[in-house]
Amino acid sequence: MKIGLLLPSVYMGSKYNDKIFAPKELFLNLADGLVNKGHEVYVYSSPDTKTRGRLVSGEEELINKDFISPKFRGLDQITKKKSAHVVTRNEYETDLTVKAYLHAQKQQVEIMHSYHNDAFIAHYINRIVKFPTIYTIHDPKPLREHIEYWRFNHFENGKKSIWLF
């Protein structure tokens, strides 16, 4: 079976090795385990990810540098720095997610497993590809006032989208 595993997070990069990032080991163990079982596995993650799967990586520059925006004018330095990280992180996640789905479609991947619920763009892309996506969420089920709750209901389980908590 051709399987795509997507974890589009800057925190997979070696720059963040000193941080605990809970899904990392689970993601890598699943990738290697599926390869060991004989599956063709495409791993969509950071450029320095160590895996037995076929790595398709995100842009390293977006992991290692936080870019500022002219829209940050008038903000204090601390807020600019935090905003730069969030904006750059979101850019990385969006870029790699789109890259992953385009690659997976070209390679005729049969199923995608997405590990990072912050990269919500996957839910939208999933609507236009022919293969289903499984989403593993590493947080508690969201409360009604959270945007994640809206997403959970908006992209409810169905033929092409399955949520695992």
N, C-alpha and C. Protein backbone atom coordinates (compact mmCIF):
# COMPACT_ATOMS: atom_id res chain seq x y z
N MET A 1 0.85 -1.18 0.00
CA MET A 1 0.00 0.00 0.00
C MET A 1 0.89 1.24 0.00
N LYS A 2 0.46 2.27 -0.71
CA LYS A 2 1.18 3.56 -0.70
C LYS A 2 0.53 4.47 0.34
N ILE A 3 1.34 4.88 1.30
CA ILE A 3 0.84 5.65 2.44
C ILE A 3 1.65 6.93 2.58
N GLY A 4 0.95 8.04 2.82
CA GLY A 4 1.60 9.31 3.13
C GLY A 4 1.45 9.62 4.61
N LEU A 5 2.54 10.03 5.24
CA LEU A 5 2.50 10.47 6.63
C LEU A 5 2.96 11.92 6.67
N LEU A 6 2.11 12.78 7.16
CA LEU A 6 2.34 14.23 7.14
C LEU A 6 2.45 14.79 8.55
N LEU A 7 3.60 15.39 8.85
CA LEU A 7 3.76 16.12 10.11
C LEU A 7 4.47 17.43 9.75
N PRO A 8 3.68 18.42 9.30
CA PRO A 8 4.27 19.68 8.82
C PRO A 8 4.51 20.68 9.94
N SER A 9 5.46 20.36 10.78
CA SER A 9 5.74 21.22 11.93
C SER A 9 7.20 21.61 11.96
N VAL A 10 7.47 22.89 12.18
CA VAL A 10 8.87 23.33 12.32
C VAL A 10 9.54 22.62 13.49
N TYR A 11 8.77 22.17 14.45
CA TYR A 11 9.32 21.53 15.64
C TYR A 11 9.89 20.14 15.37
N MET A 12 9.74 19.64 14.14
CA MET A 12 10.40 18.40 13.73
C MET A 12 11.85 18.67 13.36
N GLY A 13 12.20 19.93 13.09
CA GLY A 13 13.56 20.30 12.68
C GLY A 13 14.55 20.20 13.82
N SER A 14 15.82 19.97 13.48
CA SER A 14 16.86 19.80 14.50
C SER A 14 17.07 21.06 15.33
N LYS A 15 16.65 22.22 14.81
CA LYS A 15 16.76 23.46 15.59
C LYS A 15 16.01 23.33 16.92
N TYR A 16 15.00 22.48 16.96
CA TYR A 16 14.16 22.34 18.14
C TYR A 16 14.40 21.02 18.89
N ASN A 17 15.54 20.39 18.68
CA ASN A 17 15.83 19.11 19.36
C ASN A 17 15.81 19.22 20.87
N ASP A 18 16.01 20.42 21.41
CA ASP A 18 16.00 20.59 22.87
C ASP A 18 14.58 20.74 23.42
N LYS A 19 13.57 20.71 22.55
CA LYS A 19 12.17 20.84 22.96
C LYS A 19 11.49 19.48 22.90
N ILE A 20 10.53 19.27 23.77
CA ILE A 20 9.72 18.07 23.70
C ILE A 20 8.60 18.31 22.69
N PHE A 21 8.52 17.45 21.71
CA PHE A 21 7.46 17.54 20.70
C PHE A 21 6.82 16.16 20.62
N ALA A 22 5.71 16.01 21.33
CA ALA A 22 5.08 14.71 21.59
C ALA A 22 4.85 13.83 20.36
N PRO A 23 4.34 14.34 19.24
CA PRO A 23 4.04 13.41 18.15
C PRO A 23 5.26 12.88 17.39
N LYS A 24 6.43 13.45 17.62
CA LYS A 24 7.61 13.13 16.81
C LYS A 24 7.94 11.63 16.83
N GLU A 25 8.15 11.06 18.01
CA GLU A 25 8.55 9.65 18.09
C GLU A 25 7.46 8.72 17.58
N LEU A 26 6.21 9.00 17.89
CA LEU A 26 5.09 8.20 17.39
C LEU A 26 5.06 8.21 15.87
N PHE A 27 5.21 9.38 15.30
CA PHE A 27 5.21 9.57 13.85
C PHE A 27 6.34 8.77 13.20
N LEU A 28 7.56 8.91 13.73
CA LEU A 28 8.72 8.22 13.16
C LEU A 28 8.62 6.70 13.34
N ASN A 29 8.15 6.25 14.49
CA ASN A 29 7.97 4.82 14.71
C ASN A 29 6.92 4.23 13.76
N LEU A 30 5.85 4.97 13.53
CA LEU A 30 4.82 4.50 12.60
C LEU A 30 5.39 4.41 11.19
N ALA A 31 6.11 5.43 10.76
CA ALA A 31 6.69 5.43 9.41
C ALA A 31 7.61 4.22 9.23
N ASP A 32 8.52 4.03 10.15
CA ASP A 32 9.48 2.93 10.02
C ASP A 32 8.79 1.57 10.15
N GLY A 33 7.80 1.49 11.02
CA GLY A 33 7.05 0.24 11.17
C GLY A 33 6.29 -0.13 9.90
N LEU A 34 5.70 0.85 9.25
CA LEU A 34 4.97 0.58 8.01
C LEU A 34 5.92 0.15 6.89
N VAL A 35 7.10 0.78 6.84
CA VAL A 35 8.11 0.37 5.85
C VAL A 35 8.53 -1.07 6.13
N ASN A 36 8.76 -1.39 7.40
CA ASN A 36 9.16 -2.75 7.78
C ASN A 36 8.10 -3.79 7.38
N LYS A 37 6.84 -3.38 7.34
CA LYS A 37 5.74 -4.27 6.95
C LYS A 37 5.60 -4.38 5.43
N GLY A 38 6.44 -3.62 4.69
CA GLY A 38 6.43 -3.72 3.24
C GLY A 38 5.65 -2.64 2.50
N HIS A 39 5.16 -1.65 3.22
CA HIS A 39 4.42 -0.56 2.58
C HIS A 39 5.38 0.47 1.98
N GLU A 40 4.90 1.15 0.96
CA GLU A 40 5.65 2.27 0.37
C GLU A 40 5.19 3.52 1.11
N VAL A 41 6.07 4.10 1.90
CA VAL A 41 5.70 5.19 2.79
C VAL A 41 6.43 6.47 2.39
N TYR A 42 5.65 7.53 2.21
CA TYR A 42 6.19 8.86 1.96
C TYR A 42 6.04 9.66 3.24
N VAL A 43 7.15 10.19 3.72
CA VAL A 43 7.19 10.96 4.96
C VAL A 43 7.34 12.43 4.59
N TYR A 44 6.35 13.24 4.94
CA TYR A 44 6.36 14.67 4.65
C TYR A 44 6.67 15.39 5.95
N SER A 45 7.92 15.88 6.05
CA SER A 45 8.37 16.46 7.31
C SER A 45 9.61 17.32 7.07
N SER A 46 10.33 17.63 8.13
CA SER A 46 11.50 18.50 8.04
C SER A 46 12.64 17.82 7.28
N PRO A 47 13.52 18.61 6.68
CA PRO A 47 14.60 18.06 5.85
C PRO A 47 15.55 17.11 6.58
N ASP A 48 15.70 17.26 7.89
CA ASP A 48 16.64 16.41 8.62
C ASP A 48 15.96 15.24 9.36
N THR A 49 14.74 14.92 8.96
CA THR A 49 14.00 13.81 9.56
C THR A 49 14.69 12.49 9.21
N LYS A 50 14.94 11.68 10.20
CA LYS A 50 15.56 10.36 10.01
C LYS A 50 14.46 9.31 9.99
N THR A 51 14.30 8.67 8.83
CA THR A 51 13.23 7.70 8.65
C THR A 51 13.61 6.69 7.59
N ARG A 52 12.97 5.53 7.62
CA ARG A 52 13.14 4.53 6.58
C ARG A 52 12.20 4.80 5.41
N GLY A 53 11.23 5.72 5.61
CA GLY A 53 10.33 6.09 4.54
C GLY A 53 11.01 7.03 3.56
N ARG A 54 10.33 7.33 2.48
CA ARG A 54 10.84 8.26 1.47
C ARG A 54 10.50 9.68 1.90
N LEU A 55 11.51 10.43 2.23
CA LEU A 55 11.32 11.77 2.78
C LEU A 55 11.06 12.80 1.67
N VAL A 56 9.99 13.56 1.85
CA VAL A 56 9.71 14.75 1.04
C VAL A 56 9.67 15.88 2.05
N SER A 57 10.62 16.79 1.95
CA SER A 57 10.81 17.74 3.05
C SER A 57 10.25 19.13 2.78
N GLY A 58 10.05 19.81 3.88
CA GLY A 58 9.65 21.21 3.85
C GLY A 58 10.87 22.11 3.67
N GLU A 59 10.62 23.40 3.60
CA GLU A 59 11.68 24.39 3.37
C GLU A 59 12.47 24.65 4.65
N GLU A 60 13.73 24.27 4.64
CA GLU A 60 14.59 24.41 5.82
C GLU A 60 14.71 25.86 6.28
N GLU A 61 14.72 26.80 5.35
CA GLU A 61 14.85 28.21 5.71
C GLU A 61 13.69 28.67 6.58
N LEU A 62 12.50 28.11 6.37
CA LEU A 62 11.34 28.49 7.18
C LEU A 62 11.39 27.87 8.58
N ILE A 63 12.23 26.86 8.76
CA ILE A 63 12.42 26.27 10.10
C ILE A 63 13.44 27.09 10.88
N ASN A 64 14.50 27.49 10.20
CA ASN A 64 15.65 28.08 10.88
C ASN A 64 15.62 29.59 11.01
N LYS A 65 14.70 30.26 10.35
CA LYS A 65 14.64 31.72 10.42
C LYS A 65 13.19 32.18 10.51
N ASP A 66 12.93 33.08 11.42
CA ASP A 66 11.59 33.69 11.52
C ASP A 66 11.60 35.00 10.75
N PHE A 67 10.73 35.10 9.77
CA PHE A 67 10.67 36.28 8.92
C PHE A 67 9.69 37.30 9.49
N ILE A 68 10.05 38.56 9.39
CA ILE A 68 9.14 39.62 9.82
C ILE A 68 8.32 40.08 8.61
N SER A 69 7.30 40.83 8.87
CA SER A 69 6.42 41.35 7.83
C SER A 69 6.26 42.85 8.00
N PRO A 70 6.08 43.58 6.90
CA PRO A 70 5.83 45.02 7.03
C PRO A 70 4.58 45.32 7.86
N LYS A 71 3.71 44.33 7.98
CA LYS A 71 2.49 44.51 8.78
C LYS A 71 2.78 44.61 10.27
N PHE A 72 4.03 44.31 10.66
CA PHE A 72 4.41 44.37 12.07
C PHE A 72 4.84 45.77 12.51
N ARG A 73 4.80 46.73 11.58
CA ARG A 73 5.22 48.10 11.93
C ARG A 73 4.42 48.60 13.13
N GLY A 74 5.11 49.26 14.02
CA GLY A 74 4.45 49.84 15.19
C GLY A 74 4.36 48.89 16.37
N LEU A 75 4.74 47.62 16.18
CA LEU A 75 4.72 46.66 17.29
C LEU A 75 6.05 46.72 18.04
N ASP A 76 6.01 46.41 19.33
CA ASP A 76 7.25 46.36 20.09
C ASP A 76 8.06 45.14 19.66
N GLN A 77 9.34 45.12 20.01
CA GLN A 77 10.27 44.07 19.55
C GLN A 77 9.84 42.67 19.97
N ILE A 78 9.37 42.51 21.18
CA ILE A 78 8.95 41.18 21.65
C ILE A 78 7.76 40.68 20.84
N THR A 79 6.79 41.54 20.62
CA THR A 79 5.61 41.16 19.84
C THR A 79 6.00 40.87 18.39
N LYS A 80 6.90 41.66 17.82
CA LYS A 80 7.39 41.40 16.45
C LYS A 80 8.02 40.02 16.36
N LYS A 81 8.84 39.69 17.36
CA LYS A 81 9.54 38.41 17.35
C LYS A 81 8.55 37.25 17.46
N LYS A 82 7.60 37.35 18.37
CA LYS A 82 6.59 36.30 18.51
C LYS A 82 5.74 36.18 17.25
N SER A 83 5.34 37.31 16.70
CA SER A 83 4.52 37.32 15.48
C SER A 83 5.29 36.73 14.31
N ALA A 84 6.58 37.04 14.21
CA ALA A 84 7.41 36.51 13.13
C ALA A 84 7.46 34.98 13.21
N HIS A 85 7.59 34.45 14.41
CA HIS A 85 7.63 32.99 14.56
C HIS A 85 6.30 32.37 14.13
N VAL A 86 5.20 32.92 14.59
CA VAL A 86 3.89 32.37 14.25
C VAL A 86 3.63 32.43 12.75
N VAL A 87 3.92 33.57 12.14
CA VAL A 87 3.69 33.74 10.70
C VAL A 87 4.58 32.79 9.90
N THR A 88 5.84 32.69 10.26
CA THR A 88 6.77 31.82 9.54
C THR A 88 6.39 30.36 9.74
N ARG A 89 6.03 30.00 10.95
CA ARG A 89 5.61 28.62 11.24
C ARG A 89 4.38 28.25 10.40
N ASN A 90 3.41 29.15 10.33
CA ASN A 90 2.21 28.89 9.53
C ASN A 90 2.54 28.77 8.05
N GLU A 91 3.48 29.58 7.58
CA GLU A 91 3.91 29.52 6.18
C GLU A 91 4.53 28.16 5.88
N TYR A 92 5.39 27.69 6.78
CA TYR A 92 6.03 26.39 6.62
C TYR A 92 4.98 25.28 6.56
N GLU A 93 4.05 25.30 7.51
CA GLU A 93 3.03 24.26 7.58
C GLU A 93 2.15 24.25 6.34
N THR A 94 1.76 25.42 5.88
CA THR A 94 0.93 25.50 4.67
C THR A 94 1.70 25.02 3.46
N ASP A 95 2.93 25.49 3.30
CA ASP A 95 3.76 25.12 2.16
C ASP A 95 3.97 23.61 2.10
N LEU A 96 4.36 23.00 3.22
CA LEU A 96 4.62 21.56 3.22
C LEU A 96 3.34 20.75 3.03
N THR A 97 2.25 21.20 3.59
CA THR A 97 0.99 20.48 3.43
C THR A 97 0.56 20.46 1.96
N VAL A 98 0.63 21.59 1.30
CA VAL A 98 0.28 21.65 -0.13
C VAL A 98 1.24 20.77 -0.93
N LYS A 99 2.53 20.88 -0.64
CA LYS A 99 3.54 20.08 -1.32
C LYS A 99 3.25 18.58 -1.13
N ALA A 100 2.90 18.20 0.08
CA ALA A 100 2.62 16.80 0.39
C ALA A 100 1.44 16.27 -0.42
N TYR A 101 0.34 17.01 -0.44
CA TYR A 101 -0.84 16.54 -1.16
C TYR A 101 -0.62 16.51 -2.67
N LEU A 102 0.10 17.47 -3.20
CA LEU A 102 0.42 17.45 -4.64
C LEU A 102 1.30 16.24 -4.96
N HIS A 103 2.32 16.01 -4.15
CA HIS A 103 3.20 14.86 -4.34
C HIS A 103 2.42 13.55 -4.19
N ALA A 104 1.61 13.45 -3.16
CA ALA A 104 0.85 12.23 -2.89
C ALA A 104 -0.11 11.92 -4.05
N GLN A 105 -0.72 12.95 -4.58
CA GLN A 105 -1.64 12.74 -5.70
C GLN A 105 -0.86 12.23 -6.92
N LYS A 106 0.29 12.80 -7.18
CA LYS A 106 1.13 12.40 -8.31
C LYS A 106 1.62 10.96 -8.14
N GLN A 107 1.97 10.58 -6.90
CA GLN A 107 2.49 9.24 -6.61
C GLN A 107 1.37 8.21 -6.40
N GLN A 108 0.14 8.64 -6.50
CA GLN A 108 -1.04 7.78 -6.30
C GLN A 108 -1.06 7.13 -4.91
N VAL A 109 -0.79 7.97 -3.92
CA VAL A 109 -0.88 7.52 -2.53
C VAL A 109 -2.33 7.13 -2.26
N GLU A 110 -2.52 6.07 -1.49
CA GLU A 110 -3.86 5.56 -1.23
C GLU A 110 -4.51 6.17 0.01
N ILE A 111 -3.67 6.61 0.95
CA ILE A 111 -4.20 7.22 2.17
C ILE A 111 -3.13 8.14 2.77
N MET A 112 -3.58 9.25 3.33
CA MET A 112 -2.69 10.20 4.01
C MET A 112 -3.03 10.15 5.50
N HIS A 113 -2.00 10.24 6.33
CA HIS A 113 -2.20 10.33 7.78
C HIS A 113 -1.55 11.63 8.23
N SER A 114 -2.37 12.58 8.63
CA SER A 114 -1.89 13.90 9.04
C SER A 114 -1.82 13.97 10.55
N TYR A 115 -0.68 14.44 11.06
CA TYR A 115 -0.42 14.44 12.50
C TYR A 115 -0.49 15.79 13.17
N HIS A 116 -0.78 16.82 12.47
CA HIS A 116 -0.66 18.13 13.11
C HIS A 116 -1.90 18.95 12.86
N ASN A 117 -2.73 19.12 13.88
CA ASN A 117 -4.01 19.78 13.68
C ASN A 117 -3.88 21.28 13.46
N ASP A 118 -2.72 21.88 13.74
CA ASP A 118 -2.56 23.31 13.47
C ASP A 118 -2.52 23.59 11.97
N ALA A 119 -2.07 22.60 11.21
CA ALA A 119 -2.00 22.76 9.75
C ALA A 119 -3.37 22.44 9.16
N PHE A 120 -4.34 23.27 9.48
CA PHE A 120 -5.73 23.00 9.10
C PHE A 120 -5.96 23.01 7.60
N ILE A 121 -5.02 23.51 6.83
CA ILE A 121 -5.17 23.54 5.38
C ILE A 121 -5.40 22.13 4.83
N ALA A 122 -4.86 21.10 5.52
CA ALA A 122 -5.04 19.71 5.08
C ALA A 122 -6.52 19.35 4.97
N HIS A 123 -7.34 19.89 5.86
CA HIS A 123 -8.78 19.58 5.82
C HIS A 123 -9.42 20.10 4.54
N TYR A 124 -9.00 21.26 4.10
CA TYR A 124 -9.54 21.84 2.87
C TYR A 124 -9.03 21.09 1.64
N ILE A 125 -7.73 20.78 1.64
CA ILE A 125 -7.15 20.06 0.51
C ILE A 125 -7.76 18.67 0.39
N ASN A 126 -8.03 18.05 1.52
CA ASN A 126 -8.61 16.71 1.53
C ASN A 126 -9.92 16.66 0.72
N ARG A 127 -10.61 17.77 0.63
CA ARG A 127 -11.87 17.81 -0.12
C ARG A 127 -11.68 17.66 -1.63
N ILE A 128 -10.47 17.94 -2.13
CA ILE A 128 -10.29 17.95 -3.58
C ILE A 128 -9.36 16.84 -4.08
N VAL A 129 -8.89 15.98 -3.20
CA VAL A 129 -8.08 14.84 -3.63
C VAL A 129 -8.94 13.58 -3.57
N LYS A 130 -8.48 12.56 -4.24
CA LYS A 130 -9.28 11.33 -4.33
C LYS A 130 -9.07 10.35 -3.17
N PHE A 131 -8.02 10.56 -2.39
CA PHE A 131 -7.72 9.61 -1.32
C PHE A 131 -8.13 10.19 0.04
N PRO A 132 -8.44 9.34 1.01
CA PRO A 132 -8.85 9.81 2.33
C PRO A 132 -7.66 10.24 3.20
N THR A 133 -7.97 11.01 4.23
CA THR A 133 -6.97 11.43 5.20
C THR A 133 -7.44 11.04 6.60
N ILE A 134 -6.52 10.50 7.37
CA ILE A 134 -6.75 10.25 8.80
C ILE A 134 -6.02 11.35 9.55
N TYR A 135 -6.67 11.95 10.54
CA TYR A 135 -6.07 13.01 11.34
C TYR A 135 -5.88 12.51 12.76
N THR A 136 -4.65 12.52 13.23
CA THR A 136 -4.38 12.21 14.62
C THR A 136 -4.19 13.54 15.34
N ILE A 137 -5.01 13.78 16.33
CA ILE A 137 -4.98 15.01 17.09
C ILE A 137 -4.33 14.70 18.45
N HIS A 138 -3.29 15.43 18.78
CA HIS A 138 -2.55 15.17 20.02
C HIS A 138 -2.95 16.13 21.13
N ASP A 139 -4.19 16.55 21.11
CA ASP A 139 -4.74 17.44 22.13
C ASP A 139 -6.08 16.87 22.57
N PRO A 140 -6.59 17.31 23.71
CA PRO A 140 -7.93 16.88 24.10
C PRO A 140 -8.97 17.38 23.08
N LYS A 141 -10.11 16.72 23.05
CA LYS A 141 -11.18 17.17 22.17
C LYS A 141 -11.50 18.63 22.52
N PRO A 142 -11.63 19.48 21.51
CA PRO A 142 -11.78 20.92 21.78
C PRO A 142 -13.13 21.29 22.41
N LEU A 143 -13.09 22.41 23.13
CA LEU A 143 -14.31 22.97 23.72
C LEU A 143 -15.08 23.75 22.66
N ARG A 144 -16.36 23.99 22.90
CA ARG A 144 -17.22 24.68 21.93
C ARG A 144 -16.70 26.05 21.50
N GLU A 145 -16.02 26.76 22.39
CA GLU A 145 -15.56 28.11 22.07
C GLU A 145 -14.25 28.12 21.27
N HIS A 146 -13.66 26.96 21.03
CA HIS A 146 -12.40 26.87 20.28
C HIS A 146 -12.65 26.74 18.79
N ILE A 147 -11.79 27.35 17.99
CA ILE A 147 -11.89 27.23 16.53
C ILE A 147 -11.74 25.76 16.11
N GLU A 148 -10.97 24.99 16.87
CA GLU A 148 -10.79 23.58 16.58
C GLU A 148 -12.12 22.81 16.70
N TYR A 149 -12.98 23.26 17.58
CA TYR A 149 -14.30 22.64 17.71
C TYR A 149 -15.10 22.88 16.43
N TRP A 150 -15.05 24.10 15.92
CA TRP A 150 -15.74 24.40 14.66
C TRP A 150 -15.19 23.51 13.54
N ARG A 151 -13.85 23.40 13.47
CA ARG A 151 -13.23 22.55 12.44
C ARG A 151 -13.69 21.10 12.58
N PHE A 152 -13.69 20.60 13.80
CA PHE A 152 -14.08 19.22 14.04
C PHE A 152 -15.48 18.96 13.49
N ASN A 153 -16.38 19.90 13.72
CA ASN A 153 -17.75 19.74 13.21
C ASN A 153 -17.86 20.02 11.72
N HIS A 154 -17.11 21.00 11.26
CA HIS A 154 -17.16 21.38 9.85
C HIS A 154 -16.58 20.28 8.96
N PHE A 155 -15.52 19.64 9.42
CA PHE A 155 -14.87 18.57 8.66
C PHE A 155 -15.14 17.23 9.35
N GLU A 156 -16.41 16.96 9.60
CA GLU A 156 -16.76 15.78 10.36
C GLU A 156 -16.32 14.50 9.67
N ASN A 157 -16.23 13.43 10.47
CA ASN A 157 -15.83 12.14 9.93
C ASN A 157 -16.72 11.76 8.77
N GLY A 158 -16.12 11.18 7.79
CA GLY A 158 -16.86 10.75 6.62
C GLY A 158 -15.99 9.85 5.77
N LYS A 159 -16.33 9.75 4.50
CA LYS A 159 -15.61 8.88 3.59
C LYS A 159 -14.14 9.29 3.43
N LYS A 160 -13.86 10.58 3.51
CA LYS A 160 -12.51 11.05 3.20
C LYS A 160 -11.82 11.69 4.38
N SER A 161 -12.41 11.68 5.56
CA SER A 161 -11.79 12.35 6.69
C SER A 161 -12.13 11.59 7.98
N ILE A 162 -11.10 11.11 8.67
CA ILE A 162 -11.30 10.39 9.92
C ILE A 162 -10.43 11.03 10.99
N TRP A 163 -11.01 11.33 12.15
CA TRP A 163 -10.30 11.98 13.25
C TRP A 163 -9.99 10.96 14.32
N LEU A 164 -8.76 10.97 14.82
CA LEU A 164 -8.36 10.12 15.94
C LEU A 164 -7.84 11.01 17.05
N PHE A 165 -8.39 10.88 18.26
CA PHE A 165 -7.92 11.65 19.41
C PHE A 165 -7.15 10.75 20.34
